[in-house]
Amino acid sequence: MSKALKIKTTIIFILMASAVSIVALLYKISAGKEIMADNRHYKQFILFKELPLPILSRYMAFAGEYQDHFLFQTDDPSKLLVIDRSFSDTKFFKTGFSIADTKGQAFVYKIHSHFLYLFVGNLSQVKRVNLNDRSVRIFKTPGVFTKVLVIDTAKFSLLGFSQRAPHSMVLQHGVTGANGIISFEEQTLPFTPTSQKYLFGMDGFLHFSRADSNLILTPFYHTRTHIIKYRSGPIETLPSIVRDTVIQSIKGTLRHGRYTNASPKRTFQLYSGLVGDTVFIQSKVPAPEDSYSFFRNHLILDSYHLGDKRYIGSYAIPKKKNLKAKVVPYAGGIFIIYPAGIQLIKP
């Protein structure tokens, strides 16, 4: 190698090292200016099993459990992926729905007991299938931009923003009357969009769960998780190791009187699930000890005790490079859902 070439190579390495250092420094500065987590306590876990899946569909979310099987939503509304509890055998379950039922809008499947719910948020519509006899019922809710479905035994609740200014967050409870017709009781919650501009997509928006008499809510524009007493109040806030409470940089686009999903997918605190009395929050907020490379290459999952309202610990799960993942805790472990594969983590 010539002397000139050696000099050029050395300069290139120096520039590359400098670039990495600058990016890491900017990461620390940016994180410090926006939000920062306190020190985390990382807990141990094992990768129990990884199941590669055929690239016939994109695997989106955990739909629920039915007859000792796990069911996962795909990007095709006509089928769900079914995995047995041994995490070895896979097959597809035909739902009876099609693209025509969703009209190309974002949709979510949920299974509870023997009911399969197809929730199409932008249509404010829920279709419920009785898996025993395949009968279908359709429910619509007026007067609300509905985005989240909450299953409550054979009934359900819906969460969204009122279509009336100032677009307060509202919770609608489905109530079955003596004639079998479901009507909705509305509960207004003391949350309004930041500057009335909020993300209107299915991901990174509202993350909602029911636990006994509690409703758990993490609004997109907050870094706090709220505990809401079912159908009444008061509203409590779960302590968080993330210091700031509201992100002020959310943007939105208003088209034809409706908010669209043309907003940055900038989710800082993502509610992942409730297992027993433990709330899991996927965090994109670094702690002081989290280096740039560590935080970039791991999924961070913080856990809190719902009853005691305290921080329990965190998990740093290595993630596949350049692939988006969904984290779903359940009673036996934690699912990590990738576009073409699923991991099962055992704490």
Protein backbone atom coordinates (compact mmCIF):
# COMPACT_ATOMS: atom_id res chain seq x y z
CA MET A 1 0.00 0.00 0.00
CA SER A 2 1.41 3.38 -1.00
CA LYS A 3 2.04 6.12 1.56
CA ALA A 4 -0.63 8.35 -0.02
CA LEU A 5 -3.19 5.54 0.11
CA LYS A 6 -2.36 4.86 3.76
CA ILE A 7 -2.88 8.54 4.57
CA LYS A 8 -6.23 8.57 2.75
CA THR A 9 -7.33 5.40 4.56
CA THR A 10 -6.33 6.88 7.92
CA ILE A 11 -8.24 10.08 7.19
CA ILE A 12 -11.34 8.09 6.22
CA PHE A 13 -11.22 6.11 9.48
CA ILE A 14 -10.77 9.31 11.49
CA LEU A 15 -13.75 10.92 9.74
CA MET A 16 -15.91 7.84 10.31
CA ALA A 17 -15.00 7.74 14.01
CA SER A 18 -15.71 11.45 14.30
CA ALA A 19 -19.10 11.03 12.63
CA VAL A 20 -20.09 8.26 15.05
CA SER A 21 -18.97 10.38 18.00
CA ILE A 22 -20.91 13.39 16.74
CA VAL A 23 -24.08 11.31 16.20
CA ALA A 24 -23.77 9.84 19.68
CA LEU A 25 -23.21 13.30 21.15
CA LEU A 26 -26.21 14.72 19.31
CA TYR A 27 -28.25 11.77 20.56
CA LYS A 28 -27.32 12.58 24.15
CA ILE A 29 -27.95 16.31 23.67
CA SER A 30 -31.26 15.70 21.89
CA ALA A 31 -32.38 13.23 24.53
CA GLY A 32 -31.44 15.64 27.29
CA LYS A 33 -33.38 18.50 25.71
CA GLU A 34 -36.50 16.45 25.15
CA ILE A 35 -37.04 13.75 27.74
CA MET A 36 -34.78 11.49 29.74
CA ALA A 37 -35.41 8.47 31.94
CA ASP A 38 -33.94 7.96 35.38
CA ASN A 39 -31.62 5.02 36.02
CA ARG A 40 -33.01 1.69 34.89
CA HIS A 41 -32.63 -1.69 36.57
CA TYR A 42 -32.34 -4.31 33.82
CA LYS A 43 -33.71 -7.79 34.57
CA GLN A 44 -32.62 -11.13 33.12
CA PHE A 45 -34.58 -13.11 30.51
CA ILE A 46 -34.09 -15.98 28.06
CA LEU A 47 -35.05 -16.35 24.41
CA PHE A 48 -37.36 -19.34 24.78
CA LYS A 49 -38.11 -19.92 21.11
CA GLU A 50 -38.04 -18.17 17.74
CA LEU A 51 -40.47 -19.15 15.02
CA PRO A 52 -39.70 -18.05 11.44
CA LEU A 53 -42.87 -17.60 9.43
CA PRO A 54 -43.57 -17.90 5.70
CA ILE A 55 -43.64 -14.50 4.04
CA LEU A 56 -47.22 -14.88 2.84
CA SER A 57 -48.49 -12.01 4.97
CA ARG A 58 -47.16 -9.31 7.22
CA TYR A 59 -47.78 -10.12 10.86
CA MET A 60 -49.19 -7.13 12.68
CA ALA A 61 -50.36 -7.78 16.23
CA PHE A 62 -51.47 -10.28 18.85
CA ALA A 63 -55.23 -10.85 18.52
CA GLY A 64 -55.80 -13.10 21.54
CA GLU A 65 -56.11 -16.72 22.66
CA TYR A 66 -58.72 -19.25 21.60
CA GLN A 67 -58.89 -22.99 22.37
CA ASP A 68 -55.26 -23.26 23.55
CA HIS A 69 -53.90 -21.39 20.55
CA PHE A 70 -52.39 -17.95 20.02
CA LEU A 71 -53.87 -15.90 17.20
CA PHE A 72 -52.02 -13.10 15.41
CA GLN A 73 -53.40 -10.47 13.08
CA THR A 74 -51.97 -10.25 9.57
CA ASP A 75 -52.23 -7.45 7.02
CA ASP A 76 -54.98 -9.46 5.30
CA PRO A 77 -58.38 -9.16 7.05
CA SER A 78 -59.45 -12.54 5.65
CA LYS A 79 -57.06 -14.58 7.82
CA LEU A 80 -55.36 -14.82 11.20
CA LEU A 81 -52.17 -16.72 11.98
CA VAL A 82 -52.68 -19.52 14.53
CA ILE A 83 -49.80 -20.90 16.65
CA ASP A 84 -50.13 -23.73 19.16
CA ARG A 85 -48.93 -23.30 22.75
CA SER A 86 -45.79 -25.36 22.12
CA PHE A 87 -44.81 -22.62 19.66
CA SER A 88 -44.10 -25.15 16.90
CA ASP A 89 -47.13 -25.61 14.63
CA THR A 90 -48.68 -22.82 12.54
CA LYS A 91 -51.75 -22.54 10.36
CA PHE A 92 -54.14 -19.86 9.10
CA PHE A 93 -57.67 -19.23 10.37
CA LYS A 94 -60.22 -17.86 7.89
CA THR A 95 -62.13 -14.98 9.45
CA GLY A 96 -64.92 -14.65 6.89
CA PHE A 97 -64.06 -10.99 6.28
CA SER A 98 -62.33 -9.37 3.32
CA ILE A 99 -60.78 -6.10 2.15
CA ALA A 100 -64.30 -4.92 1.29
CA ASP A 101 -65.22 -5.05 4.99
CA THR A 102 -62.40 -2.68 5.92
CA LYS A 103 -62.60 -0.42 2.83
CA GLY A 104 -58.82 -0.20 2.88
CA GLN A 105 -58.77 1.40 6.34
CA ALA A 106 -56.60 0.38 9.29
CA PHE A 107 -58.18 -2.45 11.25
CA VAL A 108 -57.65 -4.45 14.42
CA TYR A 109 -58.75 -7.96 15.39
CA LYS A 110 -59.45 -8.90 19.01
CA ILE A 111 -60.62 -12.22 20.42
CA HIS A 112 -62.39 -12.52 23.74
CA SER A 113 -64.17 -15.67 24.89
CA HIS A 114 -65.92 -17.04 21.78
CA PHE A 115 -66.22 -13.67 20.05
CA LEU A 116 -63.99 -12.34 17.27
CA TYR A 117 -64.11 -8.54 16.89
CA LEU A 118 -63.09 -6.72 13.72
CA PHE A 119 -62.55 -3.07 14.58
CA VAL A 120 -62.24 -0.55 11.73
CA GLY A 121 -61.35 2.72 13.44
CA ASN A 122 -61.82 5.21 10.61
CA LEU A 123 -65.30 3.81 9.95
CA SER A 124 -66.24 3.93 13.67
CA GLN A 125 -67.46 0.40 13.20
CA VAL A 126 -67.15 -2.92 15.02
CA LYS A 127 -68.11 -6.28 13.51
CA ARG A 128 -68.49 -9.12 15.99
CA VAL A 129 -68.45 -12.80 14.99
CA ASN A 130 -69.74 -15.53 17.28
CA LEU A 131 -67.17 -18.30 16.68
CA ASN A 132 -69.67 -20.96 17.78
CA ASP A 133 -72.32 -20.30 15.15
CA ARG A 134 -70.55 -17.74 12.86
CA SER A 135 -73.33 -15.19 13.35
CA VAL A 136 -72.26 -11.57 12.77
CA ARG A 137 -73.39 -8.32 14.41
CA ILE A 138 -72.36 -4.81 13.34
CA PHE A 139 -72.11 -1.86 15.75
CA LYS A 140 -71.62 1.80 14.90
CA THR A 141 -70.99 4.71 17.27
CA PRO A 142 -71.97 8.27 16.33
CA GLY A 143 -70.31 11.50 17.32
CA VAL A 144 -66.76 10.33 18.04
CA PHE A 145 -63.50 9.77 16.16
CA THR A 146 -63.17 6.23 17.47
CA LYS A 147 -59.74 4.64 17.47
CA VAL A 148 -59.44 2.05 20.22
CA LEU A 149 -61.50 -1.02 21.07
CA VAL A 150 -61.59 -2.36 24.64
CA ILE A 151 -63.01 -5.82 25.19
CA ASP A 152 -65.07 -6.34 28.34
CA THR A 153 -66.35 -9.96 28.43
CA ALA A 154 -69.03 -10.20 25.74
CA LYS A 155 -69.40 -6.41 25.60
CA PHE A 156 -66.95 -3.74 24.61
CA SER A 157 -65.99 -0.12 25.14
CA LEU A 158 -64.70 2.36 22.58
CA LEU A 159 -62.23 5.18 23.10
CA GLY A 160 -61.72 8.19 20.86
CA PHE A 161 -62.04 11.95 20.47
CA SER A 162 -65.33 13.79 20.31
CA GLN A 163 -66.17 15.27 16.92
CA ARG A 164 -67.32 18.39 18.75
CA ALA A 165 -64.75 21.07 19.69
CA PRO A 166 -62.55 21.03 21.73
CA HIS A 167 -62.38 17.33 20.74
CA SER A 168 -62.16 15.98 24.27
CA MET A 169 -61.25 12.35 24.78
CA VAL A 170 -64.38 10.27 25.35
CA LEU A 171 -64.99 6.69 26.42
CA GLN A 172 -68.15 4.94 25.22
CA HIS A 173 -69.42 1.90 27.11
CA GLY A 174 -71.63 -0.56 25.25
CA VAL A 175 -74.68 -1.39 27.37
CA THR A 176 -77.11 -4.16 26.43
CA GLY A 177 -80.75 -3.28 27.05
CA ALA A 178 -83.63 -5.62 27.86
CA ASN A 179 -84.45 -5.83 24.16
CA GLY A 180 -80.90 -6.98 23.36
CA ILE A 181 -80.02 -3.72 21.60
CA ILE A 182 -76.65 -2.23 22.53
CA SER A 183 -76.56 1.47 23.31
CA PHE A 184 -73.57 3.53 24.43
CA GLU A 185 -73.02 5.51 27.61
CA GLU A 186 -70.42 8.23 27.11
CA GLN A 187 -67.80 9.27 29.67
CA THR A 188 -65.74 12.41 28.98
CA LEU A 189 -62.12 12.20 30.10
CA PRO A 190 -60.00 15.24 31.03
CA PHE A 191 -57.60 14.87 28.12
CA THR A 192 -57.52 17.04 25.01
CA PRO A 193 -55.13 16.91 22.06
CA THR A 194 -51.97 19.00 22.31
CA SER A 195 -52.89 22.16 20.35
CA GLN A 196 -55.75 20.06 18.91
CA LYS A 197 -53.26 18.29 16.66
CA TYR A 198 -52.85 14.61 17.34
CA LEU A 199 -51.88 11.42 15.61
CA PHE A 200 -54.90 9.69 14.10
CA GLY A 201 -53.27 6.40 13.15
CA MET A 202 -53.63 2.98 14.76
CA ASP A 203 -50.02 2.75 15.97
CA GLY A 204 -48.55 5.18 18.44
CA PHE A 205 -51.89 6.73 19.27
CA LEU A 206 -53.88 5.54 22.27
CA HIS A 207 -52.99 2.39 24.14
CA PHE A 208 -55.76 1.11 26.25
CA SER A 209 -56.53 -1.93 28.40
CA ARG A 210 -59.04 -3.05 30.99
CA ALA A 211 -58.01 -4.63 34.30
CA ASP A 212 -60.87 -5.43 36.67
CA SER A 213 -62.37 -2.02 37.46
CA ASN A 214 -59.45 -0.09 35.97
CA LEU A 215 -58.85 1.30 32.50
CA ILE A 216 -55.22 1.92 31.57
CA LEU A 217 -54.46 4.71 29.13
CA THR A 218 -51.25 6.09 27.62
CA PRO A 219 -52.09 8.97 25.27
CA PHE A 220 -49.65 9.41 22.39
CA TYR A 221 -48.70 12.92 23.46
CA HIS A 222 -48.03 11.98 27.10
CA THR A 223 -45.16 10.07 28.70
CA ARG A 224 -47.37 9.03 31.60
CA THR A 225 -49.75 6.11 31.95
CA HIS A 226 -53.12 6.93 33.50
CA ILE A 227 -55.38 4.62 35.50
CA ILE A 228 -59.07 5.39 35.07
CA LYS A 229 -61.78 3.90 37.25
CA TYR A 230 -64.23 2.07 35.03
CA ARG A 231 -67.31 4.18 34.22
CA SER A 232 -66.68 6.66 37.01
CA GLY A 233 -63.36 8.16 38.14
CA PRO A 234 -61.11 9.34 39.61
CA ILE A 235 -58.12 9.28 37.28
CA GLU A 236 -54.75 8.37 38.77
CA THR A 237 -51.32 8.57 37.17
CA LEU A 238 -48.85 5.72 37.31
CA PRO A 239 -45.38 6.93 38.38
CA SER A 240 -42.82 6.80 35.59
CA ILE A 241 -39.05 6.83 35.46
CA VAL A 242 -39.45 9.19 32.48
CA ARG A 243 -39.22 12.71 33.83
CA ASP A 244 -41.31 14.92 31.55
CA THR A 245 -45.04 14.38 31.12
CA VAL A 246 -46.09 15.91 27.81
CA ILE A 247 -44.37 16.03 24.43
CA GLN A 248 -44.98 19.40 22.79
CA SER A 249 -43.73 18.60 19.29
CA ILE A 250 -46.70 16.62 17.97
CA LYS A 251 -47.93 17.69 14.55
CA GLY A 252 -51.09 16.81 12.68
CA THR A 253 -52.81 17.46 9.38
CA LEU A 254 -56.50 18.36 9.11
CA ARG A 255 -58.22 17.31 5.89
CA HIS A 256 -61.92 17.75 5.17
CA GLY A 257 -62.69 18.18 8.86
CA ARG A 258 -60.87 15.02 9.97
CA TYR A 259 -57.42 14.47 11.36
CA THR A 260 -55.27 12.13 9.31
CA ASN A 261 -52.25 9.97 10.07
CA ALA A 262 -49.89 12.39 8.27
CA SER A 263 -48.07 12.96 11.55
CA PRO A 264 -44.66 11.75 12.68
CA LYS A 265 -44.66 8.27 14.22
CA ARG A 266 -42.96 9.59 17.30
CA THR A 267 -44.10 7.35 20.12
CA PHE A 268 -42.08 7.81 23.28
CA GLN A 269 -44.07 5.66 25.71
CA LEU A 270 -45.98 2.77 24.13
CA TYR A 271 -48.36 0.79 26.34
CA SER A 272 -47.59 -2.86 25.63
CA GLY A 273 -49.81 -4.84 27.97
CA LEU A 274 -50.96 -5.84 31.43
CA VAL A 275 -50.03 -9.22 32.93
CA GLY A 276 -51.51 -9.84 36.35
CA ASP A 277 -50.74 -6.67 38.29
CA THR A 278 -47.76 -5.67 36.12
CA VAL A 279 -48.00 -2.94 33.47
CA PHE A 280 -45.45 -3.11 30.63
CA ILE A 281 -44.46 0.09 28.79
CA GLN A 282 -42.19 -0.01 25.74
CA SER A 283 -39.98 3.07 25.99
CA LYS A 284 -38.01 5.02 23.42
CA VAL A 285 -36.56 7.26 26.11
CA PRO A 286 -32.89 6.67 27.07
CA ALA A 287 -31.58 6.57 30.61
CA PRO A 288 -28.19 8.18 31.47
CA GLU A 289 -26.43 4.80 31.42
CA ASP A 290 -27.87 3.80 28.02
CA SER A 291 -25.25 4.35 25.33
CA TYR A 292 -26.25 5.33 21.80
CA SER A 293 -25.44 1.92 20.30
CA PHE A 294 -27.09 0.03 23.19
CA PHE A 295 -30.34 1.97 22.94
CA ARG A 296 -30.39 1.75 19.13
CA ASN A 297 -29.99 -2.04 19.17
CA HIS A 298 -32.43 -2.97 21.96
CA LEU A 299 -36.14 -2.87 22.64
CA ILE A 300 -36.59 -1.31 26.08
CA LEU A 301 -39.51 -2.55 28.16
CA ASP A 302 -40.22 -0.86 31.53
CA SER A 303 -42.50 -2.59 34.05
CA TYR A 304 -44.60 -1.08 36.84
CA HIS A 305 -46.77 -2.54 39.61
CA LEU A 306 -50.36 -1.44 39.08
CA GLY A 307 -51.51 -1.85 42.68
CA ASP A 308 -48.45 -0.42 44.45
CA LYS A 309 -47.83 2.13 41.67
CA ARG A 310 -44.07 1.61 41.63
CA TYR A 311 -41.34 0.88 39.11
CA ILE A 312 -40.32 -2.81 39.08
CA GLY A 313 -37.57 -3.08 36.48
CA SER A 314 -36.79 -3.11 32.77
CA TYR A 315 -35.87 -5.53 29.99
CA ALA A 316 -33.39 -4.74 27.21
CA ILE A 317 -34.29 -7.13 24.38
CA PRO A 318 -31.90 -7.29 21.38
CA LYS A 319 -33.76 -6.35 18.22
CA LYS A 320 -33.23 -7.32 14.62
CA LYS A 321 -31.52 -4.61 12.59
CA ASN A 322 -33.75 -2.34 10.50
CA LEU A 323 -36.91 -4.30 11.34
CA LYS A 324 -39.90 -2.91 13.19
CA ALA A 325 -41.13 -4.99 16.10
CA LYS A 326 -44.21 -5.10 18.31
CA VAL A 327 -43.87 -6.13 21.95
CA VAL A 328 -46.79 -8.06 23.47
CA PRO A 329 -46.54 -9.38 27.06
CA TYR A 330 -48.87 -12.18 28.13
CA ALA A 331 -49.15 -14.52 31.13
CA GLY A 332 -46.40 -16.89 29.96
CA GLY A 333 -43.83 -14.50 28.52
CA ILE A 334 -43.34 -11.73 25.99
CA PHE A 335 -44.00 -11.93 22.23
CA ILE A 336 -41.70 -9.98 19.91
CA ILE A 337 -43.52 -9.75 16.57
CA TYR A 338 -41.46 -9.04 13.45
CA PRO A 339 -42.76 -8.79 9.87
CA ALA A 340 -41.76 -12.40 9.11
CA GLY A 341 -41.17 -14.05 12.46
CA ILE A 342 -42.11 -14.18 16.14
CA GLN A 343 -39.90 -14.56 19.21
CA LEU A 344 -41.05 -15.76 22.62
CA ILE A 345 -39.14 -14.28 25.57
CA LYS A 346 -39.33 -15.86 29.03
CA PRO A 347 -38.57 -13.46 31.94
